[in-house]
PDB file of N, CA and C in Angstrom:
ATOM      1  N   VAL A   1      97.655  94.213 109.791  1.00  0.00           N
ATOM      2  CA  VAL A   1      97.323  95.573 109.389  1.00  0.00           C
ATOM      3  C   VAL A   1      95.822  95.738 109.433  1.00  0.00           C
ATOM      4  N   ASN A   2      95.367  96.818 110.037  1.00  0.00           N
ATOM      5  CA  ASN A   2      93.957  97.173 110.093  1.00  0.00           C
ATOM      6  C   ASN A   2      93.793  98.465 109.320  1.00  0.00           C
ATOM      7  N   ALA A   3      93.042  98.442 108.218  1.00  0.00           N
ATOM      8  CA  ALA A   3      92.840  99.645 107.402  1.00  0.00           C
ATOM      9  C   ALA A   3      91.420 100.150 107.582  1.00  0.00           C
ATOM     10  N   GLN A   4      91.264 101.472 107.727  1.00  0.00           N
ATOM     11  CA  GLN A   4      89.960 102.102 107.841  1.00  0.00           C
ATOM     12  C   GLN A   4      89.879 103.227 106.832  1.00  0.00           C
ATOM     13  N   ASP A   5      88.669 103.456 106.310  1.00  0.00           N
ATOM     14  CA  ASP A   5      88.517 104.486 105.285  1.00  0.00           C
ATOM     15  C   ASP A   5      88.321 105.884 105.840  1.00  0.00           C
ATOM     16  N   GLY A   6      88.209 106.033 107.138  1.00  0.00           N
ATOM     17  CA  GLY A   6      88.076 107.360 107.727  1.00  0.00           C
ATOM     18  C   GLY A   6      86.654 107.867 107.806  1.00  0.00           C
ATOM     19  N   SER A   7      85.681 107.099 107.366  1.00  0.00           N
ATOM     20  CA  SER A   7      84.292 107.563 107.428  1.00  0.00           C
ATOM     21  C   SER A   7      83.653 107.108 108.731  1.00  0.00           C
ATOM     22  N   SER A   8      82.597 107.783 109.105  1.00  0.00           N
ATOM     23  CA  SER A   8      81.886 107.435 110.328  1.00  0.00           C
ATOM     24  C   SER A   8      80.688 106.568 109.992  1.00  0.00           C
ATOM     25  N   ASP A   9      79.970 106.112 111.024  1.00  0.00           N
ATOM     26  CA  ASP A   9      78.775 105.301 110.797  1.00  0.00           C
ATOM     27  C   ASP A   9      77.667 106.069 110.100  1.00  0.00           C
ATOM     28  N   THR A  10      77.723 107.392 110.105  1.00  0.00           N
ATOM     29  CA  THR A  10      76.675 108.183 109.465  1.00  0.00           C
ATOM     30  C   THR A  10      76.890 108.288 107.967  1.00  0.00           C
ATOM     31  N   GLY A  11      78.036 107.793 107.486  1.00  0.00           N
ATOM     32  CA  GLY A  11      78.318 107.865 106.055  1.00  0.00           C
ATOM     33  C   GLY A  11      79.112 109.090 105.671  1.00  0.00           C
ATOM     34  N   ALA A  12      79.384 109.977 106.608  1.00  0.00           N
ATOM     35  CA  ALA A  12      80.162 111.175 106.296  1.00  0.00           C
ATOM     36  C   ALA A  12      81.633 110.835 106.239  1.00  0.00           C
ATOM     37  N   ASP A  13      82.310 111.367 105.275  1.00  0.00           N
ATOM     38  CA  ASP A  13      83.736 111.108 105.104  1.00  0.00           C
ATOM     39  C   ASP A  13      84.516 112.118 105.920  1.00  0.00           C
ATOM     40  N   ALA A  14      84.877 111.735 107.135  1.00  0.00           N
ATOM     41  CA  ALA A  14      85.524 112.657 108.059  1.00  0.00           C
ATOM     42  C   ALA A  14      86.979 112.902 107.728  1.00  0.00           C
ATOM     43  N   ALA A  15      87.630 112.005 107.002  1.00  0.00           N
ATOM     44  CA  ALA A  15      89.063 112.148 106.753  1.00  0.00           C
ATOM     45  C   ALA A  15      89.375 112.587 105.336  1.00  0.00           C
ATOM     46  N   GLY A  16      88.369 112.981 104.572  1.00  0.00           N
ATOM     47  CA  GLY A  16      88.614 113.495 103.233  1.00  0.00           C
ATOM     48  C   GLY A  16      89.257 112.508 102.285  1.00  0.00           C
ATOM     49  N   GLY A  17      88.933 111.220 102.384  1.00  0.00           N
ATOM     50  CA  GLY A  17      89.458 110.228 101.470  1.00  0.00           C
ATOM     51  C   GLY A  17      90.775 109.621 101.919  1.00  0.00           C
ATOM     52  N   ALA A  18      91.186 109.880 103.129  1.00  0.00           N
ATOM     53  CA  ALA A  18      92.418 109.300 103.639  1.00  0.00           C
ATOM     54  C   ALA A  18      92.130 107.936 104.244  1.00  0.00           C
ATOM     55  N   ALA A  19      93.154 107.105 104.290  1.00  0.00           N
ATOM     56  CA  ALA A  19      93.043 105.795 104.919  1.00  0.00           C
ATOM     57  C   ALA A  19      93.875 105.798 106.187  1.00  0.00           C
ATOM     58  N   LYS A  20      93.290 105.282 107.264  1.00  0.00           N
ATOM     59  CA  LYS A  20      94.028 105.119 108.508  1.00  0.00           C
ATOM     60  C   LYS A  20      94.464 103.663 108.580  1.00  0.00           C
ATOM     61  N   VAL A  21      95.730 103.430 108.845  1.00  0.00           N
ATOM     62  CA  VAL A  21      96.270 102.073 108.858  1.00  0.00           C
ATOM     63  C   VAL A  21      96.953 101.816 110.192  1.00  0.00           C
ATOM     64  N   PHE A  22      96.596 100.704 110.842  1.00  0.00           N
ATOM     65  CA  PHE A  22      97.247 100.311 112.088  1.00  0.00           C
ATOM     66  C   PHE A  22      98.218  99.184 111.803  1.00  0.00           C
ATOM     67  N   SER A  23      99.463  99.379 112.158  1.00  0.00           N
ATOM     68  CA  SER A  23     100.490  98.361 111.992  1.00  0.00           C
ATOM     69  C   SER A  23     100.662  97.612 113.299  1.00  0.00           C
ATOM     70  N   CYS A  24     100.348  96.313 113.292  1.00  0.00           N
ATOM     71  CA  CYS A  24     100.532  95.503 114.494  1.00  0.00           C
ATOM     72  C   CYS A  24     102.009  95.374 114.830  1.00  0.00           C
ATOM     73  N   HIS A  25     102.853  95.353 113.821  1.00  0.00           N
ATOM     74  CA  HIS A  25     104.294  95.226 114.034  1.00  0.00           C
ATOM     75  C   HIS A  25     104.853  96.456 114.751  1.00  0.00           C
ATOM     76  N   HIS A  26     104.440  97.645 114.320  1.00  0.00           N
ATOM     77  CA  HIS A  26     104.919  98.888 114.921  1.00  0.00           C
ATOM     78  C   HIS A  26     104.002  99.413 116.025  1.00  0.00           C
ATOM     79  N   THR A  27     102.851  98.764 116.204  1.00  0.00           N
ATOM     80  CA  THR A  27     101.810  99.175 117.155  1.00  0.00           C
ATOM     81  C   THR A  27     101.528 100.673 117.084  1.00  0.00           C
ATOM     82  N   SER A  28     101.276 101.145 115.860  1.00  0.00           N
ATOM     83  CA  SER A  28     100.978 102.564 115.675  1.00  0.00           C
ATOM     84  C   SER A  28     100.052 102.749 114.477  1.00  0.00           C
ATOM     85  N   TRP A  29      99.328 103.888 114.492  1.00  0.00           N
ATOM     86  CA  TRP A  29      98.449 104.278 113.389  1.00  0.00           C
ATOM     87  C   TRP A  29      99.186 105.241 112.476  1.00  0.00           C
ATOM     88  N   SER A  30      98.866 105.209 111.201  1.00  0.00           N
ATOM     89  CA  SER A  30      99.360 106.208 110.259  1.00  0.00           C
ATOM     90  C   SER A  30      98.214 106.580 109.327  1.00  0.00           C
ATOM     91  N   VAL A  31      98.262 107.779 108.770  1.00  0.00           N
ATOM     92  CA  VAL A  31      97.229 108.256 107.855  1.00  0.00           C
ATOM     93  C   VAL A  31      97.862 108.431 106.491  1.00  0.00           C
ATOM     94  N   HIS A  32      97.212 107.882 105.486  1.00  0.00           N
ATOM     95  CA  HIS A  32      97.732 107.932 104.120  1.00  0.00           C
ATOM     96  C   HIS A  32      96.672 108.494 103.191  1.00  0.00           C
ATOM     97  N   SER A  33      97.085 109.377 102.314  1.00  0.00           N
ATOM     98  CA  SER A  33      96.171 109.895 101.295  1.00  0.00           C
ATOM     99  C   SER A  33      96.021 108.841 100.217  1.00  0.00           C
ATOM    100  N   SER A  34      94.850 108.771  99.648  1.00  0.00           N
ATOM    101  CA  SER A  34      94.606 107.836  98.555  1.00  0.00           C
ATOM    102  C   SER A  34      93.760 108.538  97.512  1.00  0.00           C
ATOM    103  N   VAL A  35      93.357 107.799  96.507  1.00  0.00           N
ATOM    104  CA  VAL A  35      92.483 108.357  95.486  1.00  0.00           C
ATOM    105  C   VAL A  35      91.226 108.862  96.171  1.00  0.00           C
ATOM    106  N   PRO A  36      90.826 110.123  95.936  1.00  0.00           N
ATOM    107  CA  PRO A  36      89.607 110.632  96.578  1.00  0.00           C
ATOM    108  C   PRO A  36      88.407 109.754  96.255  1.00  0.00           C
ATOM    109  N   PHE A  37      87.541 109.555  97.250  1.00  0.00           N
ATOM    110  CA  PHE A  37      86.364 108.716  97.062  1.00  0.00           C
ATOM    111  C   PHE A  37      85.500 109.208  95.911  1.00  0.00           C
ATOM    112  N   GLU A  38      85.460 110.537  95.694  1.00  0.00           N
ATOM    113  CA  GLU A  38      84.594 111.066  94.643  1.00  0.00           C
ATOM    114  C   GLU A  38      85.012 110.559  93.267  1.00  0.00           C
ATOM    115  N   LEU A  39      86.298 110.310  93.045  1.00  0.00           N
ATOM    116  CA  LEU A  39      86.762 109.858  91.740  1.00  0.00           C
ATOM    117  C   LEU A  39      86.251 108.458  91.417  1.00  0.00           C
ATOM    118  N   LEU A  40      86.113 107.623  92.419  1.00  0.00           N
ATOM    119  CA  LEU A  40      85.625 106.265  92.193  1.00  0.00           C
ATOM    120  C   LEU A  40      84.172 106.105  92.615  1.00  0.00           C
ATOM    121  N   GLU A  41      83.604 107.145  93.219  1.00  0.00           N
ATOM    122  CA  GLU A  41      82.243 107.092  93.725  1.00  0.00           C
ATOM    123  C   GLU A  41      82.066 105.913  94.671  1.00  0.00           C
ATOM    124  N   ILE A  42      82.997 105.768  95.615  1.00  0.00           N
ATOM    125  CA  ILE A  42      82.929 104.689  96.588  1.00  0.00           C
ATOM    126  C   ILE A  42      81.877 105.043  97.634  1.00  0.00           C
ATOM    127  N   PRO A  43      80.857 104.189  97.786  1.00  0.00           N
ATOM    128  CA  PRO A  43      79.838 104.487  98.801  1.00  0.00           C
ATOM    129  C   PRO A  43      80.405 104.273 100.203  1.00  0.00           C
ATOM    130  N   SER A  44      80.046 105.145 101.111  1.00  0.00           N
ATOM    131  CA  SER A  44      80.439 104.988 102.506  1.00  0.00           C
ATOM    132  C   SER A  44      79.421 104.067 103.155  1.00  0.00           C
ATOM    133  N   THR A  45      79.821 102.826 103.415  1.00  0.00           N
ATOM    134  CA  THR A  45      78.887 101.827 103.912  1.00  0.00           C
ATOM    135  C   THR A  45      79.351 101.217 105.225  1.00  0.00           C
ATOM    136  N   LYS A  46      78.414 100.563 105.881  1.00  0.00           N
ATOM    137  CA  LYS A  46      78.733  99.709 107.014  1.00  0.00           C
ATOM    138  C   LYS A  46      78.196  98.330 106.677  1.00  0.00           C
ATOM    139  N   ASN A  47      78.563  97.348 107.468  1.00  0.00           N
ATOM    140  CA  ASN A  47      78.160  95.956 107.242  1.00  0.00           C
ATOM    141  C   ASN A  47      78.667  95.406 105.918  1.00  0.00           C
ATOM    142  N   HIS A  48      79.793  95.917 105.440  1.00  0.00           N
ATOM    143  CA  HIS A  48      80.423  95.381 104.241  1.00  0.00           C
ATOM    144  C   HIS A  48      81.413  94.295 104.643  1.00  0.00           C
ATOM    145  N   THR A  49      81.928  93.568 103.670  1.00  0.00           N
ATOM    146  CA  THR A  49      82.986  92.604 103.948  1.00  0.00           C
ATOM    147  C   THR A  49      84.301  93.185 103.472  1.00  0.00           C
ATOM    148  N   ALA A  50      85.368  92.864 104.159  1.00  0.00           N
ATOM    149  CA  ALA A  50      86.717  93.281 103.764  1.00  0.00           C
ATOM    150  C   ALA A  50      87.635  92.084 103.947  1.00  0.00           C
ATOM    151  N   THR A  51      88.234  91.637 102.854  1.00  0.00           N
ATOM    152  CA  THR A  51      89.062  90.437 102.884  1.00  0.00           C
ATOM    153  C   THR A  51      90.471  90.749 102.401  1.00  0.00           C
ATOM    154  N   PRO A  52      91.482  90.578 103.262  1.00  0.00           N
ATOM    155  CA  PRO A  52      92.857  90.809 102.822  1.00  0.00           C
ATOM    156  C   PRO A  52      93.362  89.622 102.006  1.00  0.00           C
ATOM    157  N   VAL A  53      93.979  89.933 100.867  1.00  0.00           N
ATOM    158  CA  VAL A  53      94.611  88.924 100.020  1.00  0.00           C
ATOM    159  C   VAL A  53      95.949  89.504  99.595  1.00  0.00           C
ATOM    160  N   GLY A  54      97.030  88.983 100.142  1.00  0.00           N
ATOM    161  CA  GLY A  54      98.348  89.534  99.841  1.00  0.00           C
ATOM    162  C   GLY A  54      98.437  90.968 100.322  1.00  0.00           C
ATOM    163  N   ASN A  55      98.801  91.879  99.421  1.00  0.00           N
ATOM    164  CA  ASN A  55      98.939  93.300  99.742  1.00  0.00           C
ATOM    165  C   ASN A  55      97.701  94.105  99.374  1.00  0.00           C
ATOM    166  N   GLN A  56      96.570  93.428  99.182  1.00  0.00           N
ATOM    167  CA  GLN A  56      95.342  94.119  98.811  1.00  0.00           C
ATOM    168  C   GLN A  56      94.210  93.731  99.752  1.00  0.00           C
ATOM    169  N   VAL A  57      93.255  94.647  99.911  1.00  0.00           N
ATOM    170  CA  VAL A  57      92.052  94.371 100.695  1.00  0.00           C
ATOM    171  C   VAL A  57      90.861  94.534  99.766  1.00  0.00           C
ATOM    172  N   TYR A  58      90.071  93.471  99.635  1.00  0.00           N
ATOM    173  CA  TYR A  58      88.884  93.485  98.794  1.00  0.00           C
ATOM    174  C   TYR A  58      87.687  93.844  99.667  1.00  0.00           C
ATOM    175  N   VAL A  59      86.976  94.905  99.278  1.00  0.00           N
ATOM    176  CA  VAL A  59      85.826  95.391 100.042  1.00  0.00           C
ATOM    177  C   VAL A  59      84.584  95.220  99.171  1.00  0.00           C
ATOM    178  N   PHE A  60      83.601  94.499  99.702  1.00  0.00           N
ATOM    179  CA  PHE A  60      82.397  94.208  98.926  1.00  0.00           C
ATOM    180  C   PHE A  60      81.141  94.601  99.689  1.00  0.00           C
ATOM    181  N   GLY A  61      80.225  95.238  98.961  1.00  0.00           N
ATOM    182  CA  GLY A  61      78.878  95.481  99.451  1.00  0.00           C
ATOM    183  C   GLY A  61      78.785  96.432 100.619  1.00  0.00           C
ATOM    184  N   GLY A  62      77.721  96.251 101.386  1.00  0.00           N
ATOM    185  CA  GLY A  62      77.465  97.078 102.554  1.00  0.00           C
ATOM    186  C   GLY A  62      76.131  97.790 102.441  1.00  0.00           C
ATOM    187  N   TYR A  63      75.844  98.564 103.479  1.00  0.00           N
ATOM    188  CA  TYR A  63      74.587  99.301 103.570  1.00  0.00           C
ATOM    189  C   TYR A  63      74.907 100.737 103.934  1.00  0.00           C
ATOM    190  N   ASP A  64      74.342 101.695 103.200  1.00  0.00           N
ATOM    191  CA  ASP A  64      74.661 103.112 103.430  1.00  0.00           C
ATOM    192  C   ASP A  64      73.582 103.852 104.219  1.00  0.00           C
ATOM    193  N   GLY A  65      72.636 103.119 104.787  1.00  0.00           N
ATOM    194  CA  GLY A  65      71.550 103.745 105.536  1.00  0.00           C
ATOM    195  C   GLY A  65      70.289 103.880 104.711  1.00  0.00           C
ATOM    196  N   GLN A  66      70.431 103.727 103.378  1.00  0.00           N
ATOM    197  CA  GLN A  66      69.267 103.818 102.492  1.00  0.00           C
ATOM    198  C   GLN A  66      69.125 102.605 101.597  1.00  0.00           C
ATOM    199  N   LYS A  67      70.255 102.042 101.165  1.00  0.00           N
ATOM    200  CA  LYS A  67      70.170 100.884 100.275  1.00  0.00           C
ATOM    201  C   LYS A  67      71.384  99.971 100.455  1.00  0.00           C
ATOM    202  N   ASN A  68      71.211  98.721 100.023  1.00  0.00           N
ATOM    203  CA  ASN A  68      72.306  97.758 100.020  1.00  0.00           C
ATOM    204  C   ASN A  68      73.139  97.953  98.758  1.00  0.00           C
ATOM    205  N   HIS A  69      74.437  97.729  98.872  1.00  0.00           N
ATOM    206  CA  HIS A  69      75.348  97.868  97.732  1.00  0.00           C
ATOM    207  C   HIS A  69      75.967  96.518  97.397  1.00  0.00           C
ATOM    208  N   ASN A  70      76.322  96.335  96.121  1.00  0.00           N
ATOM    209  CA  ASN A  70      76.983  95.102  95.717  1.00  0.00           C
ATOM    210  C   ASN A  70      78.226  95.378  94.871  1.00  0.00           C
ATOM    211  N   GLU A  71      78.859  96.532  95.085  1.00  0.00           N
ATOM    212  CA  GLU A  71      80.070  96.877  94.348  1.00  0.00           C
ATOM    213  C   GLU A  71      81.293  96.267  95.029  1.00  0.00           C
ATOM    214  N   LEU A  72      82.326  96.024  94.228  1.00  0.00           N
ATOM    215  CA  LEU A  72      83.602  95.522  94.730  1.00  0.00           C
ATOM    216  C   LEU A  72      84.657  96.594  94.526  1.00  0.00           C
ATOM    217  N   TYR A  73      85.432  96.878  95.580  1.00  0.00           N
ATOM    218  CA  TYR A  73      86.550  97.815  95.523  1.00  0.00           C
ATOM    219  C   TYR A  73      87.777  97.134  96.102  1.00  0.00           C
ATOM    220  N   VAL A  74      88.942  97.542  95.622  1.00  0.00           N
ATOM    221  CA  VAL A  74      90.201  96.959  96.088  1.00  0.00           C
ATOM    222  C   VAL A  74      91.098  98.086  96.574  1.00  0.00           C
ATOM    223  N   PHE A  75      91.637  97.921  97.791  1.00  0.00           N
ATOM    224  CA  PHE A  75      92.576  98.887  98.343  1.00  0.00           C
ATOM    225  C   PHE A  75      93.949  98.243  98.371  1.00  0.00           C
ATOM    226  N   ASP A  76      94.914  98.866  97.695  1.00  0.00           N
ATOM    227  CA  ASP A  76      96.285  98.368  97.646  1.00  0.00           C
ATOM    228  C   ASP A  76      97.057  98.920  98.840  1.00  0.00           C
ATOM    229  N   LEU A  77      97.539  98.039  99.709  1.00  0.00           N
ATOM    230  CA  LEU A  77      98.223  98.460 100.926  1.00  0.00           C
ATOM    231  C   LEU A  77      99.617  99.029 100.673  1.00  0.00           C
ATOM    232  N   GLN A  78     100.215  98.725  99.524  1.00  0.00           N
ATOM    233  CA  GLN A  78     101.536  99.282  99.213  1.00  0.00           C
ATOM    234  C   GLN A  78     101.429 100.677  98.610  1.00  0.00           C
ATOM    235  N   SER A  79     100.557 100.836  97.611  1.00  0.00           N
ATOM    236  CA  SER A  79     100.418 102.144  96.959  1.00  0.00           C
ATOM    237  C   SER A  79      99.436 103.040  97.703  1.00  0.00           C
ATOM    238  N   MET A  80      98.635 102.448  98.623  1.00  0.00           N
ATOM    239  CA  MET A  80      97.612 103.179  99.383  1.00  0.00           C
ATOM    240  C   MET A  80      96.589 103.821  98.440  1.00  0.00           C
ATOM    241  N   GLU A  81      96.195 103.084  97.409  1.00  0.00           N
ATOM    242  CA  GLU A  81      95.238 103.584  96.421  1.00  0.00           C
ATOM    243  C   GLU A  81      94.080 102.614  96.266  1.00  0.00           C
ATOM    244  N   TRP A  82      92.909 103.181  95.945  1.00  0.00           N
ATOM    245  CA  TRP A  82      91.711 102.410  95.664  1.00  0.00           C
ATOM    246  C   TRP A  82      91.591 102.167  94.173  1.00  0.00           C
ATOM    247  N   ARG A  83      90.949 101.055  93.798  1.00  0.00           N
ATOM    248  CA  ARG A  83      90.560 100.807  92.413  1.00  0.00           C
ATOM    249  C   ARG A  83      89.280  99.997  92.429  1.00  0.00           C
ATOM    250  N   GLN A  84      88.542 100.083  91.343  1.00  0.00           N
ATOM    251  CA  GLN A  84      87.329  99.290  91.210  1.00  0.00           C
ATOM    252  C   GLN A  84      87.517  98.361  90.025  1.00  0.00           C
ATOM    253  N   PRO A  85      87.718  97.058  90.281  1.00  0.00           N
ATOM    254  CA  PRO A  85      87.930  96.134  89.171  1.00  0.00           C
ATOM    255  C   PRO A  85      86.647  95.887  88.391  1.00  0.00           C
ATOM    256  N   GLU A  86      86.801  95.547  87.133  1.00  0.00           N
ATOM    257  CA  GLU A  86      85.645  95.172  86.325  1.00  0.00           C
ATOM    258  C   GLU A  86      85.250  93.759  86.713  1.00  0.00           C
ATOM    259  N   VAL A  87      83.996  93.577  87.095  1.00  0.00           N
ATOM    260  CA  VAL A  87      83.506  92.282  87.545  1.00  0.00           C
ATOM    261  C   VAL A  87      82.476  91.784  86.544  1.00  0.00           C
ATOM    262  N   MET A  88      82.625  90.544  86.126  1.00  0.00           N
ATOM    263  CA  MET A  88      81.688  89.967  85.165  1.00  0.00           C
ATOM    264  C   MET A  88      81.128  88.664  85.733  1.00  0.00           C
ATOM    265  N   GLY A  89      79.889  88.393  85.391  1.00  0.00           N
ATOM    266  CA  GLY A  89      79.314  87.122  85.802  1.00  0.00           C
ATOM    267  C   GLY A  89      78.210  87.243  86.807  1.00  0.00           C
TER     268      GLY A  89
END
């Protein structure tokens, strides 16, 4: 599965908070609505890391064209929703 947040390299959210998901099994794209980015204040970044673990994708950091970010966000592939876990340490 390849998940994309719908934003462009310029940082503009072209898909209004939707996630585009490519299924290798079905060889097709689908668009899913999720929690709007404004509710979680998810920065639109590039050069971030995205690591799939089970049914979740952990997205960390990135650069938005002005500053580096160090926030962690989790996208649940089953519910198609974003969350920001509390990170300590």
